Amino acid sequence: MSNLQPTANTPKTTVDVRTIAPVYRHQLIFETFESLKPGETFALVNDHDPKPLYYQFEAERTGEFTWNYVEQGPQVWKVMIGKTQ
């Protein structure tokens, strides 16, 4: 996964899902992604590696997103998710 490199992009917003019930997390994340304009990013903060979310993005939005880890645990994970199209 070559698009997992750190980036210096300034996020449009930060979505911290650590206090949100797991059942609502992916919906909120995808709504935030959809609100981005091409070239914009948002920061996702989580309490675990959101790798399954990456695979969901890959399946549903192939070629439309970037994914760059900024922090990789063990307590906090932060990923910059960007919209390419």
N, C-alpha and C. Protein backbone atom coordinates (compact mmCIF):
# COMPACT_ATOMS: atom_id res chain seq x y z
N MET A 1 0.84 -1.17 0.00
CA MET A 1 0.00 0.00 0.00
C MET A 1 0.89 1.24 0.00
N SER A 2 1.23 1.69 -1.14
CA SER A 2 2.18 2.79 -1.27
C SER A 2 1.60 4.13 -0.84
N ASN A 3 0.29 4.25 -0.71
CA ASN A 3 -0.29 5.54 -0.33
C ASN A 3 -0.46 5.66 1.19
N LEU A 4 0.37 4.98 1.97
CA LEU A 4 0.28 5.04 3.42
C LEU A 4 1.40 5.87 4.04
N GLN A 5 2.00 6.75 3.29
CA GLN A 5 3.11 7.56 3.77
C GLN A 5 2.61 8.80 4.49
N PRO A 6 3.36 9.29 5.50
CA PRO A 6 2.96 10.53 6.19
C PRO A 6 2.87 11.70 5.22
N THR A 7 2.03 12.64 5.54
CA THR A 7 1.82 13.81 4.70
C THR A 7 1.74 15.07 5.57
N ALA A 8 2.00 16.20 4.97
CA ALA A 8 1.94 17.47 5.71
C ALA A 8 0.68 18.26 5.36
N ASN A 9 -0.27 17.63 4.66
CA ASN A 9 -1.50 18.34 4.30
C ASN A 9 -2.20 18.85 5.53
N THR A 10 -2.76 20.05 5.43
CA THR A 10 -3.54 20.60 6.51
C THR A 10 -4.97 20.11 6.36
N PRO A 11 -5.50 19.44 7.38
CA PRO A 11 -6.86 18.90 7.24
C PRO A 11 -7.92 19.99 7.28
N LYS A 12 -9.02 19.75 6.57
CA LYS A 12 -10.17 20.65 6.61
C LYS A 12 -10.83 20.56 7.98
N THR A 13 -10.86 19.37 8.55
CA THR A 13 -11.49 19.13 9.84
C THR A 13 -10.86 17.91 10.48
N THR A 14 -11.17 17.70 11.74
CA THR A 14 -10.72 16.51 12.45
C THR A 14 -11.94 15.75 12.95
N VAL A 15 -11.98 14.45 12.69
CA VAL A 15 -13.05 13.60 13.16
C VAL A 15 -12.45 12.64 14.17
N ASP A 16 -12.76 12.86 15.44
CA ASP A 16 -12.27 12.02 16.52
C ASP A 16 -13.39 11.05 16.89
N VAL A 17 -13.24 9.80 16.49
CA VAL A 17 -14.32 8.82 16.70
C VAL A 17 -14.17 8.03 18.00
N ARG A 18 -13.20 8.38 18.81
CA ARG A 18 -12.96 7.61 20.03
C ARG A 18 -14.13 7.65 21.00
N THR A 19 -14.94 8.69 20.95
CA THR A 19 -16.08 8.79 21.87
C THR A 19 -17.41 8.51 21.18
N ILE A 20 -17.37 8.07 19.95
CA ILE A 20 -18.59 7.79 19.18
C ILE A 20 -18.82 6.28 19.16
N ALA A 21 -20.06 5.89 19.32
CA ALA A 21 -20.40 4.46 19.30
C ALA A 21 -19.93 3.85 17.97
N PRO A 22 -19.30 2.67 18.05
CA PRO A 22 -18.76 2.04 16.82
C PRO A 22 -19.77 1.92 15.68
N VAL A 23 -21.03 1.70 15.98
CA VAL A 23 -22.04 1.53 14.95
C VAL A 23 -22.20 2.78 14.07
N TYR A 24 -21.84 3.96 14.59
CA TYR A 24 -22.00 5.22 13.85
C TYR A 24 -20.71 5.72 13.20
N ARG A 25 -19.60 5.12 13.52
CA ARG A 25 -18.31 5.66 13.09
C ARG A 25 -18.13 5.72 11.58
N HIS A 26 -18.34 4.61 10.88
CA HIS A 26 -18.09 4.60 9.44
C HIS A 26 -19.03 5.54 8.71
N GLN A 27 -20.28 5.63 9.15
CA GLN A 27 -21.21 6.57 8.51
C GLN A 27 -20.70 8.00 8.63
N LEU A 28 -20.27 8.39 9.82
CA LEU A 28 -19.75 9.74 10.04
C LEU A 28 -18.50 9.99 9.19
N ILE A 29 -17.63 9.01 9.13
CA ILE A 29 -16.39 9.15 8.37
C ILE A 29 -16.69 9.31 6.88
N PHE A 30 -17.58 8.50 6.33
CA PHE A 30 -17.90 8.61 4.91
C PHE A 30 -18.68 9.90 4.60
N GLU A 31 -19.52 10.35 5.52
CA GLU A 31 -20.21 11.64 5.32
C GLU A 31 -19.19 12.78 5.29
N THR A 32 -18.20 12.71 6.17
CA THR A 32 -17.16 13.73 6.18
C THR A 32 -16.37 13.69 4.88
N PHE A 33 -16.04 12.49 4.42
CA PHE A 33 -15.31 12.34 3.16
C PHE A 33 -16.11 12.93 2.00
N GLU A 34 -17.40 12.64 1.95
CA GLU A 34 -18.24 13.13 0.86
C GLU A 34 -18.33 14.65 0.86
N SER A 35 -18.17 15.28 2.02
CA SER A 35 -18.27 16.75 2.09
C SER A 35 -16.99 17.44 1.61
N LEU A 36 -15.93 16.68 1.41
CA LEU A 36 -14.67 17.27 0.94
C LEU A 36 -14.74 17.64 -0.52
N LYS A 37 -14.00 18.67 -0.89
CA LYS A 37 -13.77 19.00 -2.29
C LYS A 37 -12.49 18.28 -2.71
N PRO A 38 -12.33 18.03 -4.00
CA PRO A 38 -11.08 17.39 -4.45
C PRO A 38 -9.86 18.17 -3.96
N GLY A 39 -8.90 17.45 -3.43
CA GLY A 39 -7.68 18.05 -2.91
C GLY A 39 -7.72 18.33 -1.42
N GLU A 40 -8.91 18.26 -0.81
CA GLU A 40 -9.03 18.49 0.63
C GLU A 40 -8.84 17.19 1.40
N THR A 41 -8.45 17.33 2.67
CA THR A 41 -8.28 16.18 3.54
C THR A 41 -8.96 16.42 4.87
N PHE A 42 -9.19 15.34 5.59
CA PHE A 42 -9.60 15.46 6.98
C PHE A 42 -8.77 14.49 7.81
N ALA A 43 -8.65 14.80 9.09
CA ALA A 43 -7.89 13.95 9.99
C ALA A 43 -8.85 13.05 10.75
N LEU A 44 -8.56 11.76 10.75
CA LEU A 44 -9.33 10.79 11.52
C LEU A 44 -8.50 10.39 12.73
N VAL A 45 -9.10 10.47 13.91
CA VAL A 45 -8.44 10.06 15.15
C VAL A 45 -9.22 8.88 15.71
N ASN A 46 -8.50 7.80 16.03
CA ASN A 46 -9.14 6.57 16.48
C ASN A 46 -8.32 5.95 17.59
N ASP A 47 -8.90 4.98 18.29
CA ASP A 47 -8.21 4.30 19.37
C ASP A 47 -7.60 2.97 18.93
N HIS A 48 -7.70 2.65 17.65
CA HIS A 48 -7.10 1.43 17.10
C HIS A 48 -6.78 1.68 15.62
N ASP A 49 -6.00 0.80 15.04
CA ASP A 49 -5.66 0.92 13.63
C ASP A 49 -6.92 0.78 12.78
N PRO A 50 -7.27 1.80 12.00
CA PRO A 50 -8.49 1.73 11.19
C PRO A 50 -8.30 1.01 9.86
N LYS A 51 -7.43 0.02 9.83
CA LYS A 51 -7.15 -0.74 8.61
C LYS A 51 -8.42 -1.28 7.93
N PRO A 52 -9.42 -1.83 8.68
CA PRO A 52 -10.64 -2.28 7.99
C PRO A 52 -11.34 -1.14 7.25
N LEU A 53 -11.28 0.07 7.80
CA LEU A 53 -11.86 1.23 7.11
C LEU A 53 -11.11 1.50 5.82
N TYR A 54 -9.79 1.35 5.84
CA TYR A 54 -9.00 1.52 4.61
C TYR A 54 -9.51 0.57 3.54
N TYR A 55 -9.72 -0.69 3.91
CA TYR A 55 -10.19 -1.68 2.93
C TYR A 55 -11.59 -1.35 2.43
N GLN A 56 -12.43 -0.76 3.28
CA GLN A 56 -13.75 -0.33 2.83
C GLN A 56 -13.62 0.81 1.82
N PHE A 57 -12.75 1.78 2.12
CA PHE A 57 -12.50 2.86 1.16
C PHE A 57 -11.99 2.28 -0.16
N GLU A 58 -11.06 1.34 -0.08
CA GLU A 58 -10.48 0.73 -1.27
C GLU A 58 -11.55 0.04 -2.11
N ALA A 59 -12.49 -0.61 -1.45
CA ALA A 59 -13.57 -1.32 -2.16
C ALA A 59 -14.61 -0.38 -2.75
N GLU A 60 -14.95 0.68 -2.02
CA GLU A 60 -16.05 1.56 -2.42
C GLU A 60 -15.62 2.84 -3.12
N ARG A 61 -14.37 3.26 -2.92
CA ARG A 61 -13.90 4.54 -3.48
C ARG A 61 -12.53 4.40 -4.13
N THR A 62 -12.30 3.31 -4.81
CA THR A 62 -11.01 3.05 -5.44
C THR A 62 -10.58 4.23 -6.30
N GLY A 63 -9.37 4.72 -6.04
CA GLY A 63 -8.81 5.82 -6.82
C GLY A 63 -9.33 7.20 -6.45
N GLU A 64 -10.23 7.28 -5.49
CA GLU A 64 -10.84 8.57 -5.13
C GLU A 64 -10.29 9.14 -3.83
N PHE A 65 -9.38 8.42 -3.15
CA PHE A 65 -8.95 8.86 -1.82
C PHE A 65 -7.45 8.65 -1.64
N THR A 66 -6.92 9.38 -0.66
CA THR A 66 -5.56 9.13 -0.18
C THR A 66 -5.67 8.77 1.29
N TRP A 67 -4.68 8.04 1.77
CA TRP A 67 -4.70 7.54 3.15
C TRP A 67 -3.28 7.62 3.67
N ASN A 68 -3.04 8.48 4.64
CA ASN A 68 -1.69 8.68 5.15
C ASN A 68 -1.68 8.66 6.67
N TYR A 69 -0.98 7.68 7.23
CA TYR A 69 -0.85 7.61 8.69
C TYR A 69 0.01 8.77 9.18
N VAL A 70 -0.43 9.40 10.26
CA VAL A 70 0.33 10.45 10.93
C VAL A 70 0.82 9.91 12.28
N GLU A 71 -0.05 9.17 12.98
CA GLU A 71 0.27 8.49 14.23
C GLU A 71 -0.20 7.05 14.14
N GLN A 72 0.62 6.12 14.66
CA GLN A 72 0.26 4.71 14.57
C GLN A 72 0.34 4.02 15.92
N GLY A 73 -0.47 4.49 16.86
CA GLY A 73 -0.64 3.83 18.14
C GLY A 73 0.55 3.94 19.07
N PRO A 74 0.49 3.23 20.16
CA PRO A 74 -0.50 2.20 20.46
C PRO A 74 -1.82 2.74 21.03
N GLN A 75 -1.84 3.95 21.58
CA GLN A 75 -3.07 4.49 22.18
C GLN A 75 -3.91 5.27 21.17
N VAL A 76 -3.26 6.03 20.31
CA VAL A 76 -3.96 6.91 19.37
C VAL A 76 -3.45 6.63 17.95
N TRP A 77 -4.39 6.55 17.05
CA TRP A 77 -4.09 6.40 15.62
C TRP A 77 -4.65 7.62 14.92
N LYS A 78 -3.86 8.24 14.07
CA LYS A 78 -4.32 9.41 13.32
C LYS A 78 -3.98 9.19 11.85
N VAL A 79 -5.01 9.38 11.00
CA VAL A 79 -4.87 9.18 9.56
C VAL A 79 -5.42 10.39 8.85
N MET A 80 -4.67 10.85 7.86
CA MET A 80 -5.15 11.92 6.99
C MET A 80 -5.81 11.23 5.79
N ILE A 81 -7.09 11.52 5.57
CA ILE A 81 -7.84 10.94 4.46
C ILE A 81 -8.18 12.08 3.51
N GLY A 82 -7.78 11.95 2.27
CA GLY A 82 -8.01 13.00 1.30
C GLY A 82 -8.88 12.54 0.14
N LYS A 83 -9.49 13.51 -0.52
CA LYS A 83 -10.31 13.24 -1.70
C LYS A 83 -9.54 13.67 -2.93
N THR A 84 -9.39 12.77 -3.88
CA THR A 84 -8.63 13.07 -5.08
C THR A 84 -9.52 13.51 -6.23
N GLN A 85 -10.80 13.14 -6.23
CA GLN A 85 -11.70 13.46 -7.34
C GLN A 85 -12.93 14.18 -6.84
